[in-house]
Protein backbone atom coordinates (compact mmCIF):
# COMPACT_ATOMS: atom_id res chain seq x y z
CA UNK A 1 0.02 -0.32 0.36
CA UNK A 2 0.96 3.67 -0.57
CA UNK A 3 1.78 5.39 2.54
CA UNK A 4 2.93 8.71 1.67
CA UNK A 5 0.71 10.22 3.47
CA UNK A 6 0.61 9.84 7.22
CA UNK A 7 -3.68 8.40 8.29
CA UNK A 8 -4.89 10.70 11.19
CA UNK A 9 -5.84 8.22 14.03
CA UNK A 10 -8.12 10.78 15.41
CA UNK A 11 -10.24 10.66 12.03
CA UNK A 12 -10.77 7.03 12.94
CA UNK A 13 -11.67 7.41 16.39
CA UNK A 14 -14.29 9.65 15.05
CA UNK A 15 -16.11 7.47 12.55
CA UNK A 16 -16.20 4.37 15.13
CA UNK A 17 -17.55 7.15 17.23
CA UNK A 18 -20.44 8.20 14.50
CA UNK A 19 -20.69 4.37 13.59
CA UNK A 20 -19.10 4.62 10.25
CA UNK A 21 -16.65 2.28 10.95
CA UNK A 22 -16.13 -0.46 12.96
CA UNK A 23 -12.78 -0.79 15.39
CA UNK A 24 -11.43 -3.63 13.64
CA UNK A 25 -11.44 -1.64 10.68
CA UNK A 26 -9.89 1.49 12.25
CA UNK A 27 -7.45 -0.82 13.88
CA UNK A 28 -6.29 -2.48 10.14
CA UNK A 29 -6.37 1.38 8.65
CA UNK A 30 -4.13 2.27 11.30
CA UNK A 31 -1.97 -0.82 10.83
CA UNK A 32 -1.93 -0.28 7.29
CA UNK A 33 -1.10 3.30 6.66
CA UNK A 34 -3.27 3.67 3.79
CA UNK A 35 -3.17 7.62 2.18
CA UNK A 36 -5.82 8.60 4.30
CA UNK A 37 -6.35 12.57 4.70
CA UNK A 38 -10.02 12.91 5.37
CA UNK A 39 -13.20 11.05 5.78
CA UNK A 40 -13.50 10.81 1.42
CA UNK A 41 -10.49 8.51 1.70
CA UNK A 42 -11.47 6.67 4.29
CA UNK A 43 -14.93 5.89 2.90
CA UNK A 44 -13.21 4.74 -0.29
CA UNK A 45 -11.04 2.45 1.10
CA UNK A 46 -14.09 1.14 2.88
CA UNK A 47 -15.72 0.79 -0.41
CA UNK A 48 -12.84 -1.21 -2.37
CA UNK A 49 -12.30 -3.42 1.52
CA UNK A 50 -16.25 -4.37 1.15
CA UNK A 51 -16.88 -4.11 -2.88
CA UNK A 52 -19.35 -1.40 -2.33
CA UNK A 53 -20.10 1.20 -4.50
CA UNK A 54 -18.86 4.94 -3.54
CA UNK A 55 -19.98 8.48 -5.11
CA UNK A 56 -19.35 11.67 -3.82
CA UNK A 57 -22.64 13.20 -5.32
CA UNK A 58 -21.31 15.60 -7.93
CA UNK A 59 -22.92 14.70 -10.77
CA UNK A 60 -25.50 12.41 -9.13
CA UNK A 61 -29.22 13.90 -9.44
CA UNK A 62 -31.83 11.80 -6.73
CA UNK A 63 -35.12 10.44 -8.41
CA UNK A 64 -37.52 12.79 -6.62
CA UNK A 65 -40.34 10.52 -7.13
CA UNK A 66 -38.37 8.19 -5.41
CA UNK A 67 -37.11 10.51 -2.38
CA UNK A 68 -41.33 10.91 -1.92
CA UNK A 69 -41.51 7.11 -0.82
CA UNK A 70 -39.34 7.53 2.48
CA UNK A 71 -40.33 9.69 6.03
CA UNK A 72 -37.81 13.42 5.65
CA UNK A 73 -37.29 13.01 9.38
CA UNK A 74 -35.70 9.43 8.89
CA UNK A 75 -33.45 10.74 5.97
CA UNK A 76 -32.46 13.10 7.73
CA UNK A 77 -32.03 11.57 11.29
CA UNK A 78 -30.14 8.83 9.72
CA UNK A 79 -28.49 10.42 6.95
CA UNK A 80 -29.84 8.36 3.95
CA UNK A 81 -30.17 9.37 0.76
CA UNK A 82 -32.08 7.62 -1.79
CA UNK A 83 -30.53 7.82 -5.88
CA UNK A 84 -31.91 5.73 -7.92
CA UNK A 85 -33.85 1.96 -8.74
CA UNK A 86 -31.59 -0.46 -9.66
CA UNK A 87 -33.16 -3.80 -10.82
CA UNK A 88 -36.22 -3.53 -8.57
CA UNK A 89 -34.08 -2.20 -6.07
CA UNK A 90 -33.28 1.17 -4.74
CA UNK A 91 -28.97 2.68 -3.80
CA UNK A 92 -29.06 4.66 -0.79
CA UNK A 93 -26.14 6.82 0.05
CA UNK A 94 -24.76 6.17 3.60
CA UNK A 95 -22.08 7.32 5.83
CA UNK A 96 -22.59 4.84 8.21
CA UNK A 97 -21.80 1.76 6.61
CA UNK A 98 -22.01 -0.17 10.39
CA UNK A 99 -24.98 1.92 11.71
CA UNK A 100 -27.71 -0.28 9.91
CA UNK A 101 -30.85 0.34 11.97
CA UNK A 102 -31.68 3.45 9.28
CA UNK A 103 -31.60 0.90 6.50
CA UNK A 104 -33.38 -1.49 8.51
CA UNK A 105 -36.15 1.16 9.45
CA UNK A 106 -36.29 1.58 5.93
CA UNK A 107 -36.92 -1.55 4.26
CA UNK A 108 -39.49 -2.18 7.28
CA UNK A 109 -41.55 0.81 6.23
CA UNK A 110 -41.28 0.00 2.51
CA UNK A 111 -40.68 -3.15 1.64
CA UNK A 112 -37.95 -2.03 -0.82
CA UNK A 113 -34.81 -4.01 -0.95
CA UNK A 114 -32.15 -1.40 -0.23
CA UNK A 115 -28.11 -1.04 -1.90
CA UNK A 116 -26.04 0.51 0.52
CA UNK A 117 -23.52 3.42 -1.43
CA UNK A 118 -20.92 4.90 0.30
CA UNK A 119 -20.94 9.12 0.71
CA UNK A 120 -19.02 11.53 2.48
CA UNK A 121 -21.76 12.44 5.38
CA UNK A 122 -21.54 16.33 4.53
CA UNK A 123 -21.82 16.02 0.91
CA UNK A 124 -25.43 13.83 2.35
CA UNK A 125 -26.71 16.65 4.29
CA UNK A 126 -26.64 19.05 1.59
CA UNK A 127 -27.76 16.96 -1.10
CA UNK A 128 -30.65 16.38 1.73
CA UNK A 129 -31.42 19.94 2.44
CA UNK A 130 -30.71 20.71 -1.10
CA UNK A 131 -33.81 18.25 -2.27
CA UNK A 132 -36.08 18.28 1.21
CA UNK A 133 -35.67 21.81 1.77
CA UNK A 134 -34.50 23.13 5.29
CA UNK A 135 -36.31 21.94 8.30
CA UNK A 136 -38.34 19.01 6.63
CA UNK A 137 -38.30 16.90 9.67
CA UNK A 138 -39.78 19.30 11.87
CA UNK A 139 -42.35 19.74 9.16
CA UNK A 140 -43.00 16.19 8.37
CA UNK A 141 -43.69 16.30 12.37
CA UNK A 142 -46.36 19.06 12.34
CA UNK A 143 -47.71 17.63 9.26
CA UNK A 144 -48.52 14.38 11.17
CA UNK A 145 -50.29 16.53 13.97
CA UNK A 146 -53.62 16.36 14.29
CA UNK A 147 -54.62 19.21 15.57
CA UNK A 148 -52.06 22.30 15.44
CA UNK A 149 -52.15 25.24 17.55
CA UNK A 150 -50.99 28.51 16.05
CA UNK A 151 -48.79 30.44 17.84
CA UNK A 152 -50.66 33.39 17.67
CA UNK A 153 -53.19 32.44 19.87
CA UNK A 154 -50.99 32.55 22.95
CA UNK A 155 -50.49 35.89 24.98
CA UNK A 156 -47.91 38.45 24.34
CA UNK A 157 -44.67 37.60 25.64
CA UNK A 158 -45.68 33.97 26.54
CA UNK A 159 -43.47 30.89 26.63
CA UNK A 160 -44.22 28.00 24.40
CA UNK A 161 -44.18 24.74 26.15
CA UNK A 162 -41.50 22.41 24.87
CA UNK A 163 -43.15 19.54 26.22
CA UNK A 164 -46.13 20.15 23.03
CA UNK A 165 -44.88 18.46 19.90
CA UNK A 166 -46.35 20.36 17.23
CA UNK A 167 -44.77 23.73 19.18
CA UNK A 168 -42.11 22.43 20.04
CA UNK A 169 -41.19 21.51 15.89
CA UNK A 170 -41.79 25.10 15.47
CA UNK A 171 -39.47 26.13 17.50
CA UNK A 172 -36.59 23.17 15.85
CA UNK A 173 -37.56 24.65 12.64
CA UNK A 174 -37.08 28.08 13.47
CA UNK A 175 -34.05 27.14 15.27
CA UNK A 176 -32.79 25.22 12.22
CA UNK A 177 -33.68 28.19 9.76
CA UNK A 178 -31.36 30.50 12.39
CA UNK A 179 -28.52 28.21 12.79
CA UNK A 180 -28.39 27.33 8.65
CA UNK A 181 -28.31 31.10 7.60
CA UNK A 182 -25.46 31.67 9.92
CA UNK A 183 -23.26 28.28 9.36
CA UNK A 184 -24.07 29.98 5.02
CA UNK A 185 -22.34 33.56 6.33
CA UNK A 186 -26.03 35.08 5.51
CA UNK A 187 -26.49 38.89 6.39
CA UNK A 188 -30.25 38.70 6.02
CA UNK A 189 -33.27 36.20 6.02
CA UNK A 190 -36.10 36.83 4.20
CA UNK A 191 -39.66 34.81 5.09
CA UNK A 192 -42.12 36.14 2.51
CA UNK A 193 -45.58 34.73 1.91
CA UNK A 194 -47.64 33.94 -1.37
CA UNK A 195 -50.44 32.69 -2.09
CA UNK A 196 -49.38 29.52 -3.07
CA UNK A 197 -45.73 29.48 -0.70
CA UNK A 198 -44.28 30.32 1.63
CA UNK A 199 -40.93 30.97 0.30
CA UNK A 200 -37.20 31.70 2.93
CA UNK A 201 -34.40 33.34 1.35
CA UNK A 202 -31.04 34.27 3.02
CA UNK A 203 -28.45 37.11 1.70
CA UNK A 204 -25.42 35.75 1.08
CA UNK A 205 -22.44 37.92 -0.25
CA UNK A 206 -25.06 40.77 -1.12
CA UNK A 207 -27.23 38.79 -3.25
CA UNK A 208 -30.54 36.93 -2.13
CA UNK A 209 -30.45 32.79 -2.67
CA UNK A 210 -33.42 30.90 -2.56
CA UNK A 211 -33.50 27.90 0.32
CA UNK A 212 -35.16 24.96 -0.63
CA UNK A 213 -38.17 24.08 2.07
CA UNK A 214 -41.02 21.82 2.05
CA UNK A 215 -43.78 22.24 -0.34
CA UNK A 216 -46.29 22.13 2.98
CA UNK A 217 -44.57 24.68 4.83
CA UNK A 218 -47.24 27.26 3.30
CA UNK A 219 -49.78 25.73 6.49
CA UNK A 220 -47.43 26.72 9.00
CA UNK A 221 -46.78 30.42 8.46
CA UNK A 222 -48.41 32.39 11.08
CA UNK A 223 -47.10 30.16 13.27
CA UNK A 224 -43.60 30.13 12.14
CA UNK A 225 -43.87 34.15 12.53
CA UNK A 226 -45.88 33.98 15.94
CA UNK A 227 -43.00 31.73 16.96
CA UNK A 228 -40.43 34.76 15.61
CA UNK A 229 -42.59 37.42 17.05
CA UNK A 230 -42.02 35.69 20.74
CA UNK A 231 -38.86 35.29 20.50
CA UNK A 232 -38.36 38.80 19.89
CA UNK A 233 -40.67 40.02 22.48
CA UNK A 234 -43.46 41.55 19.89
CA UNK A 235 -47.10 41.74 19.99
CA UNK A 236 -48.15 38.35 18.22
CA UNK A 237 -52.04 39.73 18.36
CA UNK A 238 -51.53 42.81 16.23
CA UNK A 239 -51.30 41.75 12.66
CA UNK A 240 -52.39 44.60 10.72
CA UNK A 241 -49.25 47.18 11.90
CA UNK A 242 -45.31 47.14 10.80
CA UNK A 243 -43.29 45.63 14.04
CA UNK A 244 -39.35 45.53 14.67
CA UNK A 245 -37.86 44.01 17.62
CA UNK A 246 -34.55 42.10 18.40
CA UNK A 247 -33.58 38.60 19.16
CA UNK A 248 -29.93 37.81 20.90
CA UNK A 249 -28.62 34.05 20.03
CA UNK A 250 -25.79 32.45 20.94
CA UNK A 251 -24.86 29.65 18.71
CA UNK A 252 -21.36 27.69 19.28
CA UNK A 253 -19.60 30.30 22.03
CA UNK A 254 -20.78 33.07 19.29
CA UNK A 255 -22.89 36.13 20.19
CA UNK A 256 -25.27 36.77 17.19
CA UNK A 257 -28.14 40.21 17.34
CA UNK A 258 -30.72 39.86 15.17
CA UNK A 259 -32.61 42.38 14.33
CA UNK A 260 -36.65 41.76 12.72
CA UNK A 261 -39.31 43.78 10.64
CA UNK A 262 -42.66 42.28 10.46
CA UNK A 263 -44.55 44.07 7.76
CA UNK A 264 -48.35 42.79 6.95
CA UNK A 265 -48.12 41.95 2.91
CA UNK A 266 -51.32 40.42 0.88
CA UNK A 267 -50.87 36.95 1.92
CA UNK A 268 -49.36 37.37 5.51
CA UNK A 269 -46.99 39.13 7.92
CA UNK A 270 -43.78 39.03 5.57
CA UNK A 271 -40.54 38.68 7.98
CA UNK A 272 -36.52 39.97 7.52
CA UNK A 273 -34.21 39.24 9.76
CA UNK A 274 -30.64 40.89 9.56
CA UNK A 275 -27.91 39.01 11.52
CA UNK A 276 -25.39 40.94 13.24
CA UNK A 277 -22.20 38.74 14.29
CA UNK A 278 -21.21 40.87 18.15
CA UNK A 279 -18.04 38.99 18.36
CA UNK A 280 -16.59 39.20 14.98
CA UNK A 281 -13.40 40.06 14.88
CA UNK A 282 -12.36 43.04 13.19
CA UNK A 283 -9.73 44.04 10.69
CA UNK A 284 -6.79 46.06 11.27
CA UNK A 285 -6.52 49.13 8.21
CA UNK A 286 -4.29 47.02 5.94
CA UNK A 287 -7.10 44.45 5.52
CA UNK A 288 -9.22 46.91 3.97
CA UNK A 289 -6.67 46.21 1.12
CA UNK A 290 -7.14 49.80 -0.46
CA UNK A 291 -5.09 51.03 -3.12
CA UNK A 292 -1.77 53.29 -1.61
CA UNK A 293 -3.56 56.83 -2.50
CA UNK A 294 -6.83 55.99 -0.97
CA UNK A 295 -4.84 53.89 2.27
CA UNK A 296 -2.32 57.21 3.03
CA UNK A 297 -5.15 59.46 2.67
CA UNK A 298 -7.27 57.63 5.29
CA UNK A 299 -4.46 57.12 7.63
CA UNK A 300 -3.59 61.19 7.06
CA UNK A 301 -7.36 62.34 8.35
CA UNK A 302 -7.41 59.64 11.56
CA UNK A 303 -4.57 62.02 12.80
CA UNK A 304 -6.25 65.73 12.13
CA UNK A 305 -7.59 66.80 16.19
CA UNK A 306 -11.14 67.87 14.42
CA UNK A 307 -13.53 67.42 11.04
CA UNK A 308 -15.87 65.64 9.65
CA UNK A 309 -14.96 62.36 7.69
CA UNK A 310 -18.18 60.66 5.97
CA UNK A 311 -18.42 57.38 4.38
CA UNK A 312 -21.36 57.33 2.32
CA UNK A 313 -23.30 54.18 0.22
CA UNK A 314 -25.85 52.19 0.08
CA UNK A 315 -27.19 49.72 2.96
CA UNK A 316 -25.03 46.84 3.25
CA UNK A 317 -21.89 48.15 1.43
CA UNK A 318 -19.72 48.00 4.47
CA UNK A 319 -19.51 51.71 5.61
CA UNK A 320 -19.78 50.39 9.20
CA UNK A 321 -17.47 48.29 9.51
CA UNK A 322 -15.24 50.74 7.59
CA UNK A 323 -15.64 53.39 10.40
CA UNK A 324 -14.91 50.20 12.99
CA UNK A 325 -11.66 49.31 11.74
CA UNK A 326 -11.03 53.47 11.29
CA UNK A 327 -11.91 53.65 15.33
CA UNK A 328 -9.59 50.41 16.17
CA UNK A 329 -6.79 52.09 14.62
CA UNK A 330 -6.94 54.81 16.72
CA UNK A 331 -8.57 53.09 19.57
CA UNK A 332 -5.74 54.43 22.57
CA UNK A 333 -5.82 55.38 26.52
CA UNK A 334 -5.05 58.72 25.22
CA UNK A 335 -8.56 59.21 23.53
CA UNK A 336 -11.79 59.05 24.33
CA UNK A 337 -14.01 57.77 21.68
CA UNK A 338 -17.97 57.89 22.32
CA UNK A 339 -20.36 56.29 19.40
CA UNK A 340 -23.87 56.89 19.09
CA UNK A 341 -25.79 53.95 16.78
CA UNK A 342 -28.61 51.99 15.79
CA UNK A 343 -28.01 49.45 16.54
CA UNK A 344 -24.45 48.65 18.26
CA UNK A 345 -22.74 46.38 15.77
CA UNK A 346 -19.08 45.61 17.07
CA UNK A 347 -18.43 45.83 20.88
CA UNK A 348 -15.60 47.90 20.81
CA UNK A 349 -13.03 47.80 24.18
CA UNK A 350 -11.90 50.88 25.62
CA UNK A 351 -14.82 52.44 23.46
CA UNK A 352 -18.03 54.06 25.05
CA UNK A 353 -21.12 52.82 22.66
CA UNK A 354 -24.44 54.12 22.52
CA UNK A 355 -27.63 52.63 21.94
CA UNK A 356 -30.07 54.35 19.85
CA UNK A 357 -33.80 53.51 21.42
CA UNK A 358 -36.49 55.58 19.98
CA UNK A 359 -38.80 53.85 22.35
CA UNK A 360 -37.36 55.36 24.96
CA UNK A 361 -36.94 58.81 23.16
CA UNK A 362 -32.87 58.18 22.95
CA UNK A 363 -32.51 59.69 19.35
CA UNK A 364 -29.30 60.76 17.45
CA UNK A 365 -29.65 64.09 18.29
CA UNK A 366 -30.31 63.89 21.84
CA UNK A 367 -27.96 61.67 21.86
CA UNK A 368 -25.43 63.71 20.31
CA UNK A 369 -26.04 67.00 22.46
CA UNK A 370 -25.07 64.27 25.87
CA UNK A 371 -22.31 62.90 24.18
CA UNK A 372 -21.03 66.40 24.27
CA UNK A 373 -20.87 66.72 27.57
CA UNK A 374 -18.94 63.83 28.40
CA UNK A 375 -15.16 65.69 26.76
CA UNK A 376 -14.79 63.20 24.05
CA UNK A 377 -12.12 63.20 21.32
CA UNK A 378 -13.35 61.44 18.84
CA UNK A 379 -17.36 60.69 18.04
CA UNK A 380 -18.98 58.47 15.91
CA UNK A 381 -22.64 58.79 14.70
CA UNK A 382 -24.33 55.58 13.13
CA UNK A 383 -25.86 57.39 10.23
CA UNK A 384 -26.66 61.09 9.43
CA UNK A 385 -30.66 61.36 9.21
CA UNK A 386 -32.01 64.29 9.27
CA UNK A 387 -30.69 68.13 9.93
CA UNK A 388 -30.85 68.09 13.36
CA UNK A 389 -28.34 65.13 13.72
CA UNK A 390 -26.34 66.75 10.83
CA UNK A 391 -26.63 70.48 12.27
CA UNK A 392 -25.19 68.99 15.80
CA UNK A 393 -22.13 66.80 13.93
CA UNK A 394 -21.15 70.16 12.64
CA UNK A 395 -21.03 72.19 15.37
CA UNK A 396 -18.93 69.41 17.24
CA UNK A 397 -16.31 69.33 14.67
CA UNK A 398 -16.07 73.14 14.63
CA UNK A 399 -15.25 72.93 18.73
CA UNK A 400 -12.29 70.39 18.31
CA UNK A 401 -13.89 66.77 18.12
CA UNK A 402 -13.14 64.59 15.26
CA UNK A 403 -16.57 63.12 13.46
CA UNK A 404 -17.19 59.71 11.72
CA UNK A 405 -20.24 58.83 10.20
CA UNK A 406 -22.50 57.89 7.47
CA UNK A 407 -24.75 58.75 5.06
CA UNK A 408 -26.48 57.04 2.32
CA UNK A 409 -25.30 59.23 -1.25
CA UNK A 410 -23.73 57.18 -4.42
CA UNK A 411 -20.52 58.55 -4.56
CA UNK A 412 -18.42 61.15 -2.72
CA UNK A 413 -19.27 64.49 -4.36
CA UNK A 414 -22.83 63.87 -3.59
CA UNK A 415 -22.41 64.06 0.30
CA UNK A 416 -21.55 67.38 -0.04
CA UNK A 417 -24.95 68.54 -1.90
CA UNK A 418 -26.64 66.13 0.56
CA UNK A 419 -25.45 68.41 3.23
CA UNK A 420 -26.48 71.54 1.79
CA UNK A 421 -30.39 69.82 1.08
CA UNK A 422 -30.60 69.10 4.12
CA UNK A 423 -30.44 72.48 5.18
CA UNK A 424 -26.85 72.63 6.57
CA UNK A 425 -25.23 76.24 5.46
CA UNK A 426 -22.49 75.94 2.70
CA UNK A 427 -20.21 77.93 4.44
CA UNK A 428 -20.69 75.33 7.61
CA UNK A 429 -20.17 72.14 5.44
CA UNK A 430 -16.90 73.89 3.48
CA UNK A 431 -14.73 74.64 7.12
CA UNK A 432 -16.43 71.31 8.93
CA UNK A 433 -16.12 68.29 6.08
CA UNK A 434 -12.32 67.12 5.70
CA UNK A 435 -12.74 63.92 3.57
CA UNK A 436 -15.42 61.78 1.77
CA UNK A 437 -15.07 57.78 1.35
CA UNK A 438 -17.64 56.20 -0.57
CA UNK A 439 -17.53 52.49 -0.82
CA UNK A 440 -18.98 49.12 -2.26
CA UNK A 441 -18.70 45.68 -1.72
CA UNK A 442 -18.10 43.40 -4.58
CA UNK A 443 -18.18 39.84 -4.48
CA UNK A 444 -14.56 37.72 -4.50
CA UNK A 445 -14.39 34.88 -7.35
CA UNK A 446 -14.25 31.17 -5.67
CA UNK A 447 -10.68 30.38 -5.77
CA UNK A 448 -11.77 26.62 -6.34
CA UNK A 449 -13.47 27.08 -9.77
CA UNK A 450 -12.61 30.45 -10.95
CA UNK A 451 -11.57 30.42 -15.17
CA UNK A 452 -9.64 32.71 -17.41
CA UNK A 453 -11.54 34.46 -19.44
CA UNK A 454 -10.30 34.03 -22.94
CA UNK A 455 -13.43 35.79 -24.99
CA UNK A 456 -13.28 38.27 -27.66
CA UNK A 457 -15.58 40.59 -25.37
CA UNK A 458 -13.32 39.92 -22.28
CA UNK A 459 -10.35 41.16 -24.67
CA UNK A 460 -12.38 44.24 -26.48
CA UNK A 461 -13.41 45.02 -22.41
CA UNK A 462 -9.89 44.95 -21.74
CA UNK A 463 -9.02 46.83 -24.71
CA UNK A 464 -11.38 49.65 -23.87
CA UNK A 465 -10.52 50.22 -19.78
CA UNK A 466 -6.51 50.17 -20.71
CA UNK A 467 -5.89 46.47 -18.96
CA UNK A 468 -2.83 45.38 -20.68
CA UNK A 469 -3.63 42.67 -22.52
CA UNK A 470 -0.80 39.92 -20.49
CA UNK A 471 -3.06 40.28 -18.07
CA UNK A 472 -5.00 37.78 -17.16
CA UNK A 473 -8.92 38.42 -16.18
CA UNK A 474 -10.98 35.61 -14.92
CA UNK A 475 -14.74 34.70 -14.92
CA UNK A 476 -16.80 33.12 -12.43
CA UNK A 477 -18.10 29.10 -12.94
CA UNK A 478 -19.35 28.00 -9.37
CA UNK A 479 -18.65 24.66 -7.63
CA UNK A 480 -19.30 23.06 -4.10
CA UNK A 481 -17.44 24.95 -2.43
CA UNK A 482 -19.00 28.43 -3.55
CA UNK A 483 -22.70 26.49 -3.74
CA UNK A 484 -22.66 26.96 -7.72
CA UNK A 485 -22.40 30.76 -7.01
CA UNK A 486 -19.17 31.35 -8.60
CA UNK A 487 -18.11 33.44 -5.63
CA UNK A 488 -17.12 33.25 -2.21
CA UNK A 489 -16.89 36.62 0.37
CA UNK A 490 -16.73 40.54 -0.71
CA UNK A 491 -13.95 42.59 -1.01
CA UNK A 492 -14.47 46.84 -1.03
CA UNK A 493 -13.93 49.34 -3.78
CA UNK A 494 -13.59 52.72 -2.77
CA UNK A 495 -13.50 56.34 -3.97
CA UNK A 496 -11.90 59.27 -1.93
CA UNK A 497 -12.61 62.68 -1.88
CA UNK A 498 -10.46 65.28 -0.12
CA UNK A 499 -11.84 68.70 0.47
CA UNK A 500 -9.29 70.86 -0.65
CA UNK A 501 -9.58 74.70 -1.18
CA UNK A 502 -11.26 74.63 -4.44
CA UNK A 503 -13.63 71.60 -3.23
CA UNK A 504 -14.38 74.25 -0.79
CA UNK A 505 -14.99 76.88 -2.75
CA UNK A 506 -17.54 74.89 -4.71
CA UNK A 507 -19.52 74.16 -1.79
CA UNK A 508 -19.16 77.93 -0.74
CA UNK A 509 -20.87 78.64 -4.01
CA UNK A 510 -23.32 75.89 -4.33
CA UNK A 511 -22.04 73.95 -7.62
CA UNK A 512 -23.69 71.19 -8.53
CA UNK A 513 -22.17 67.56 -7.72
CA UNK A 514 -20.63 67.12 -11.06
CA UNK A 515 -18.34 70.27 -11.02
CA UNK A 516 -17.67 68.93 -7.70
CA UNK A 517 -16.74 65.41 -9.04
CA UNK A 518 -15.13 66.90 -12.09
CA UNK A 519 -12.96 68.91 -9.56
CA UNK A 520 -12.10 65.86 -7.31
CA UNK A 521 -10.90 64.21 -10.27
CA UNK A 522 -8.64 66.69 -11.59
CA UNK A 523 -7.24 66.52 -7.54
CA UNK A 524 -6.31 62.68 -7.65
CA UNK A 525 -10.03 60.95 -6.93
CA UNK A 526 -10.78 57.96 -8.89
CA UNK A 527 -13.82 56.74 -9.10
CA UNK A 528 -15.56 53.63 -7.79
CA UNK A 529 -15.20 51.77 -11.33
CA UNK A 530 -11.80 52.64 -11.24
CA UNK A 531 -10.66 50.82 -8.01
CA UNK A 532 -12.71 48.27 -9.18
CA UNK A 533 -10.69 47.52 -12.45
CA UNK A 534 -7.99 47.44 -9.72
CA UNK A 535 -9.64 44.01 -8.27
CA UNK A 536 -10.83 42.76 -12.17
CA UNK A 537 -6.60 43.29 -13.14
CA UNK A 538 -5.68 41.25 -10.17
CA UNK A 539 -8.04 38.49 -10.86
CA UNK A 540 -10.03 38.66 -7.56
CA UNK A 541 -13.35 39.68 -9.23
CA UNK A 542 -15.27 40.10 -12.39
CA UNK A 543 -16.00 42.74 -14.86
CA UNK A 544 -19.95 41.83 -14.40
CA UNK A 545 -19.27 42.16 -11.10
CA UNK A 546 -17.89 45.56 -11.33
CA UNK A 547 -20.54 47.07 -13.65
CA UNK A 548 -23.01 46.18 -11.05
CA UNK A 549 -22.03 47.92 -8.30
CA UNK A 550 -21.05 51.17 -10.48
CA UNK A 551 -22.64 53.58 -12.36
CA UNK A 552 -22.66 54.10 -16.32
CA UNK A 553 -21.25 57.74 -15.75
CA UNK A 554 -18.74 56.44 -13.97
CA UNK A 555 -17.87 53.65 -16.20
CA UNK A 556 -17.97 56.09 -19.24
CA UNK A 557 -15.08 58.62 -17.19
CA UNK A 558 -13.04 55.37 -16.60
CA UNK A 559 -13.00 54.88 -20.78
CA UNK A 560 -12.06 58.36 -21.57
CA UNK A 561 -9.53 58.54 -19.00
CA UNK A 562 -8.02 55.27 -20.10
CA UNK A 563 -8.07 56.53 -23.98
């Protein structure tokens, strides 16, 4: 036998504990020292030793009609996946060759002859979830219950009795959805009622992805929404008005804060849950991977004694994460940093953080006035939403404070006119604003499946954008590692505008955004699209991805500059 790769003894012990391997075979493997680096290698060895087939399930499409013959609860519990009929028997994927109770149970229930085919546990779980849907086992339990007590009949903030099977199944289903979303790195969970279905989607890397769910889930939509209301301390009897709440959960020693929004729709109440990981590790400023000019400018303004630095972009573009990274860079014993946010997304050691509470009357403006009496050096305002907040932020910067905040505009020059439109006098904007950083997030190509793009359109685009012909650009493909999306993770693209003397004069003159943008470009500002091409040249993302988050104007300007 080839023993170039030493086996992992702990792997065999784990497989024995999971009843995937007998103690005798585990001992044989350890003595033989075959090239076993993981579960797949061990299962391949078992298949060869016992004369069984092995499948990675990569190109296997299970028969849906065949799947419907078997109880979903047993398939999920025992990790068994029916594949196809072969001469009157059924091939069924399993990773537990020696745990025969599941196969025996299915034989008894269906009367079919079953042929085991070995496959990795993770692959079986993935395919079961894909074809049966999230929470199929708990929905199956609910479907078998004759009388279902709708949770909306329970009083506000009441707790569900875990001992009641149908109610406990609802609890398990909601928990499974939350766990699944967290494991898939989702930022939002969307629960959407329609006339004939209850759809669940996760937002992963900025894009919504549909989640397979059991067909009969629509029946239990009111109960599921009521469970979420109870967790969020909302009024479950109120079905006509929007409600907002919050859930805090702990999973694998990680705290996740969940913002819940419920709005009545035509066919029931729709729910959106935003997942905020409280203990996410903050990156250093260098890990933002800005280009040299933007990074040098950012580091320079962080050392300023006063002024306003704005980060702009749409919801979900990473503005708050960038500001937290900046605060983390200047967080030391000689500065007092106070933040006011809605919600507090990260907990920073050594930083005084205030949570906005509209119900209690603690707004951004009211909290900001109180902050100024606490003698801060640096202030972070979660978002400038109205004139009052903007006015206080400007006054704070003019009285010796360094102020960070976010604003919703399409680009950096647009932030200036936005502040003036809010009612701030141009001379105050000109004297207080130091810099504006606009940003977007583009998806990063999956390193396992990306391929060079040698197509004619790609070559033409390289020539149009001034990308050297020898530079390789890539396209997305899709594989198991990235859930067939072709992307895994996101990366920021940035547009930095300094408020120099020319820009300040344009603000005083109430000049248009286009004039401000042209002046900023002459001063060295690069557009979001230009920064996006930097990532395309590095092979991190695709041309299409950059185009999806930038405007036609930016691309046109980039093309003109390149020519």
